[in-house]
Amino acid sequence: MRNAQGYAVLVGPDAPMRECDTFTCSHCQFVVFVKPKCDPSELGGFCRLCFKHICGPCADKGMCDPFEKKLERMEDRGRLMRQIGIE
């Protein structure tokens, strides 16, 4: 991966400190750890509709469903439920 979006430092009581680059899937918010010199196809994919990096399971679905849109749908549903008096 040419430009990773994040950086993680993993520290454990019995394990040595480990540092690696990361990116967050824009469809499900899963943090993917980027292995050095890894083939980009092993990391997941790149959504050509929202132009963001995505994890493997989201790439396998073959559809664009960004996390922000999911949140908007949940908020809209909550507003509807309050308006009709269910909540």
N, C-alpha and C. Protein backbone atom coordinates (compact mmCIF):
# COMPACT_ATOMS: atom_id res chain seq x y z
N MET A 1 0.86 -1.18 0.00
CA MET A 1 0.00 0.00 0.00
C MET A 1 0.90 1.23 0.00
N ARG A 2 0.62 2.12 -0.89
CA ARG A 2 1.49 3.27 -1.05
C ARG A 2 1.35 4.27 0.09
N ASN A 3 0.14 4.64 0.45
CA ASN A 3 -0.08 5.62 1.51
C ASN A 3 -1.06 5.06 2.53
N ALA A 4 -0.54 4.57 3.63
CA ALA A 4 -1.41 4.07 4.69
C ALA A 4 -2.06 5.26 5.38
N GLN A 5 -3.24 5.04 5.97
CA GLN A 5 -3.97 6.13 6.60
C GLN A 5 -3.66 6.28 8.07
N GLY A 6 -3.15 5.21 8.70
CA GLY A 6 -2.91 5.26 10.13
C GLY A 6 -1.66 4.52 10.52
N TYR A 7 -1.38 4.55 11.82
CA TYR A 7 -0.18 3.93 12.36
C TYR A 7 -0.54 3.35 13.71
N ALA A 8 -0.21 2.10 13.97
CA ALA A 8 -0.55 1.44 15.23
C ALA A 8 0.71 0.97 15.93
N VAL A 9 0.69 1.11 17.26
CA VAL A 9 1.75 0.58 18.10
C VAL A 9 1.07 -0.41 19.04
N LEU A 10 1.38 -1.69 18.91
CA LEU A 10 0.77 -2.72 19.73
C LEU A 10 1.73 -3.11 20.85
N VAL A 11 1.26 -2.99 22.09
CA VAL A 11 2.08 -3.29 23.25
C VAL A 11 1.34 -4.32 24.10
N GLY A 12 2.03 -5.38 24.45
CA GLY A 12 1.43 -6.41 25.28
C GLY A 12 2.38 -6.79 26.41
N PRO A 13 1.87 -7.38 27.48
CA PRO A 13 2.73 -7.72 28.60
C PRO A 13 3.74 -8.83 28.28
N ASP A 14 3.38 -9.76 27.41
CA ASP A 14 4.27 -10.88 27.10
C ASP A 14 4.86 -10.82 25.70
N ALA A 15 4.46 -9.84 24.92
CA ALA A 15 4.91 -9.76 23.54
C ALA A 15 5.75 -8.50 23.33
N PRO A 16 6.67 -8.56 22.39
CA PRO A 16 7.44 -7.33 22.10
C PRO A 16 6.57 -6.28 21.43
N MET A 17 6.99 -5.03 21.54
CA MET A 17 6.26 -3.93 20.90
C MET A 17 6.29 -4.12 19.39
N ARG A 18 5.12 -3.92 18.75
CA ARG A 18 5.00 -4.09 17.31
C ARG A 18 4.40 -2.83 16.71
N GLU A 19 4.97 -2.36 15.63
CA GLU A 19 4.47 -1.16 14.95
C GLU A 19 4.09 -1.52 13.51
N CYS A 20 2.97 -0.96 13.05
CA CYS A 20 2.57 -1.23 11.66
C CYS A 20 1.63 -0.14 11.16
N ASP A 21 1.58 -0.04 9.85
CA ASP A 21 0.66 0.89 9.20
C ASP A 21 -0.73 0.28 9.17
N THR A 22 -1.75 1.14 9.14
CA THR A 22 -3.14 0.68 9.12
C THR A 22 -3.96 1.53 8.17
N PHE A 23 -5.14 1.02 7.84
CA PHE A 23 -6.18 1.84 7.22
C PHE A 23 -7.51 1.36 7.75
N THR A 24 -8.50 2.23 7.73
CA THR A 24 -9.83 1.91 8.22
C THR A 24 -10.77 1.75 7.03
N CYS A 25 -11.50 0.64 7.02
CA CYS A 25 -12.46 0.39 5.95
C CYS A 25 -13.56 1.45 6.01
N SER A 26 -13.83 2.08 4.90
CA SER A 26 -14.85 3.14 4.90
C SER A 26 -16.26 2.58 4.89
N HIS A 27 -16.43 1.28 4.66
CA HIS A 27 -17.77 0.68 4.64
C HIS A 27 -18.17 0.10 5.99
N CYS A 28 -17.20 -0.44 6.78
CA CYS A 28 -17.57 -1.07 8.05
C CYS A 28 -16.75 -0.60 9.25
N GLN A 29 -15.78 0.28 9.03
CA GLN A 29 -14.93 0.83 10.08
C GLN A 29 -13.98 -0.19 10.70
N PHE A 30 -13.69 -1.29 10.02
CA PHE A 30 -12.73 -2.28 10.49
C PHE A 30 -11.32 -1.76 10.23
N VAL A 31 -10.44 -1.90 11.23
CA VAL A 31 -9.05 -1.46 11.07
C VAL A 31 -8.24 -2.61 10.49
N VAL A 32 -7.61 -2.36 9.35
CA VAL A 32 -6.81 -3.37 8.65
C VAL A 32 -5.33 -3.05 8.88
N PHE A 33 -4.57 -4.04 9.35
CA PHE A 33 -3.15 -3.88 9.55
C PHE A 33 -2.43 -4.22 8.25
N VAL A 34 -1.60 -3.29 7.79
CA VAL A 34 -0.90 -3.43 6.52
C VAL A 34 0.44 -4.09 6.77
N LYS A 35 0.65 -5.25 6.15
CA LYS A 35 1.92 -5.95 6.29
C LYS A 35 2.93 -5.33 5.32
N PRO A 36 4.20 -5.23 5.72
CA PRO A 36 5.20 -4.66 4.82
C PRO A 36 5.33 -5.46 3.54
N LYS A 37 5.45 -4.77 2.44
CA LYS A 37 5.63 -5.36 1.11
C LYS A 37 4.54 -6.37 0.75
N CYS A 38 3.34 -6.12 1.23
CA CYS A 38 2.21 -7.01 0.98
C CYS A 38 1.55 -6.64 -0.35
N ASP A 39 1.03 -7.64 -1.02
CA ASP A 39 0.30 -7.41 -2.26
C ASP A 39 -1.00 -6.66 -1.92
N PRO A 40 -1.29 -5.55 -2.57
CA PRO A 40 -2.50 -4.77 -2.24
C PRO A 40 -3.80 -5.56 -2.35
N SER A 41 -3.84 -6.58 -3.20
CA SER A 41 -5.07 -7.35 -3.34
C SER A 41 -5.36 -8.18 -2.09
N GLU A 42 -4.35 -8.48 -1.29
CA GLU A 42 -4.54 -9.24 -0.06
C GLU A 42 -5.15 -8.39 1.06
N LEU A 43 -5.04 -7.08 0.95
CA LEU A 43 -5.52 -6.18 2.00
C LEU A 43 -7.01 -5.91 1.90
N GLY A 44 -7.59 -6.07 0.77
CA GLY A 44 -9.00 -5.76 0.56
C GLY A 44 -9.18 -5.19 -0.82
N GLY A 45 -9.56 -3.94 -0.88
CA GLY A 45 -9.76 -3.33 -2.18
C GLY A 45 -9.92 -1.84 -2.09
N PHE A 46 -10.26 -1.26 -3.22
CA PHE A 46 -10.49 0.17 -3.32
C PHE A 46 -11.85 0.35 -3.99
N CYS A 47 -12.78 0.98 -3.28
CA CYS A 47 -14.12 1.20 -3.83
C CYS A 47 -14.06 2.33 -4.85
N ARG A 48 -14.45 2.02 -6.06
CA ARG A 48 -14.40 3.02 -7.12
C ARG A 48 -15.62 3.93 -7.14
N LEU A 49 -16.59 3.68 -6.26
CA LEU A 49 -17.75 4.56 -6.18
C LEU A 49 -17.55 5.66 -5.14
N CYS A 50 -16.99 5.31 -3.97
CA CYS A 50 -16.74 6.32 -2.95
C CYS A 50 -15.26 6.70 -2.87
N PHE A 51 -14.41 6.04 -3.66
CA PHE A 51 -12.97 6.30 -3.74
C PHE A 51 -12.29 6.21 -2.38
N LYS A 52 -12.56 5.11 -1.66
CA LYS A 52 -11.96 4.86 -0.36
C LYS A 52 -11.45 3.43 -0.31
N HIS A 53 -10.53 3.18 0.63
CA HIS A 53 -10.03 1.83 0.86
C HIS A 53 -11.07 1.03 1.64
N ILE A 54 -11.21 -0.25 1.28
CA ILE A 54 -12.16 -1.11 1.99
C ILE A 54 -11.48 -2.44 2.32
N CYS A 55 -12.02 -3.14 3.33
CA CYS A 55 -11.47 -4.42 3.77
C CYS A 55 -11.91 -5.53 2.81
N GLY A 56 -11.34 -6.71 3.00
CA GLY A 56 -11.63 -7.86 2.14
C GLY A 56 -13.09 -8.26 2.11
N PRO A 57 -13.74 -8.45 3.29
CA PRO A 57 -15.16 -8.84 3.26
C PRO A 57 -16.06 -7.82 2.56
N CYS A 58 -15.78 -6.55 2.72
CA CYS A 58 -16.59 -5.53 2.04
C CYS A 58 -16.30 -5.52 0.54
N ALA A 59 -15.07 -5.80 0.16
CA ALA A 59 -14.73 -5.87 -1.26
C ALA A 59 -15.43 -7.05 -1.91
N ASP A 60 -15.57 -8.16 -1.16
CA ASP A 60 -16.24 -9.34 -1.70
C ASP A 60 -17.73 -9.11 -1.94
N LYS A 61 -18.34 -8.19 -1.19
CA LYS A 61 -19.78 -7.91 -1.37
C LYS A 61 -20.05 -7.27 -2.72
N GLY A 62 -19.10 -6.48 -3.22
CA GLY A 62 -19.24 -5.90 -4.54
C GLY A 62 -20.21 -4.74 -4.64
N MET A 63 -20.55 -4.12 -3.51
CA MET A 63 -21.44 -2.96 -3.55
C MET A 63 -20.89 -1.87 -2.63
N CYS A 64 -21.23 -0.65 -2.92
CA CYS A 64 -20.77 0.49 -2.13
C CYS A 64 -21.83 0.84 -1.10
N ASP A 65 -21.47 0.72 0.18
CA ASP A 65 -22.37 1.08 1.27
C ASP A 65 -21.54 1.74 2.37
N PRO A 66 -21.16 3.03 2.19
CA PRO A 66 -20.31 3.71 3.16
C PRO A 66 -20.94 3.78 4.55
N PHE A 67 -20.08 3.78 5.56
CA PHE A 67 -20.53 3.80 6.94
C PHE A 67 -21.35 5.05 7.25
N GLU A 68 -20.98 6.19 6.67
CA GLU A 68 -21.73 7.43 6.91
C GLU A 68 -23.17 7.30 6.43
N LYS A 69 -23.37 6.64 5.30
CA LYS A 69 -24.73 6.44 4.78
C LYS A 69 -25.53 5.52 5.70
N LYS A 70 -24.88 4.50 6.28
CA LYS A 70 -25.55 3.62 7.24
C LYS A 70 -26.02 4.42 8.45
N LEU A 71 -25.15 5.31 8.95
CA LEU A 71 -25.53 6.14 10.09
C LEU A 71 -26.69 7.05 9.76
N GLU A 72 -26.67 7.63 8.56
CA GLU A 72 -27.78 8.50 8.15
C GLU A 72 -29.09 7.72 8.09
N ARG A 73 -29.06 6.48 7.59
CA ARG A 73 -30.27 5.66 7.55
C ARG A 73 -30.79 5.37 8.95
N MET A 74 -29.88 5.09 9.89
CA MET A 74 -30.29 4.83 11.28
C MET A 74 -30.92 6.07 11.91
N GLU A 75 -30.31 7.24 11.66
CA GLU A 75 -30.86 8.48 12.21
C GLU A 75 -32.23 8.78 11.61
N ASP A 76 -32.37 8.58 10.31
CA ASP A 76 -33.66 8.81 9.65
C ASP A 76 -34.74 7.89 10.20
N ARG A 77 -34.38 6.64 10.44
CA ARG A 77 -35.34 5.68 11.00
C ARG A 77 -35.75 6.11 12.41
N GLY A 78 -34.80 6.57 13.21
CA GLY A 78 -35.11 7.05 14.56
C GLY A 78 -36.05 8.25 14.53
N ARG A 79 -35.79 9.18 13.61
CA ARG A 79 -36.67 10.35 13.48
C ARG A 79 -38.07 9.93 13.08
N LEU A 80 -38.19 9.00 12.15
CA LEU A 80 -39.49 8.52 11.70
C LEU A 80 -40.24 7.87 12.85
N MET A 81 -39.55 7.03 13.62
CA MET A 81 -40.20 6.35 14.75
C MET A 81 -40.70 7.34 15.80
N ARG A 82 -39.93 8.39 16.05
CA ARG A 82 -40.38 9.43 17.01
C ARG A 82 -41.58 10.20 16.47
N GLN A 83 -41.58 10.47 15.15
CA GLN A 83 -42.68 11.22 14.57
C GLN A 83 -43.99 10.45 14.61
N ILE A 84 -43.92 9.14 14.42
CA ILE A 84 -45.16 8.38 14.42
C ILE A 84 -45.50 7.85 15.82
N GLY A 85 -44.64 8.15 16.80
CA GLY A 85 -44.95 7.85 18.19
C GLY A 85 -44.65 6.45 18.64
N ILE A 86 -43.76 5.75 17.95
CA ILE A 86 -43.43 4.39 18.37
C ILE A 86 -42.38 4.41 19.47
N GLU A 87 -41.47 5.34 19.44
CA GLU A 87 -40.43 5.41 20.49
C GLU A 87 -40.83 6.35 21.56
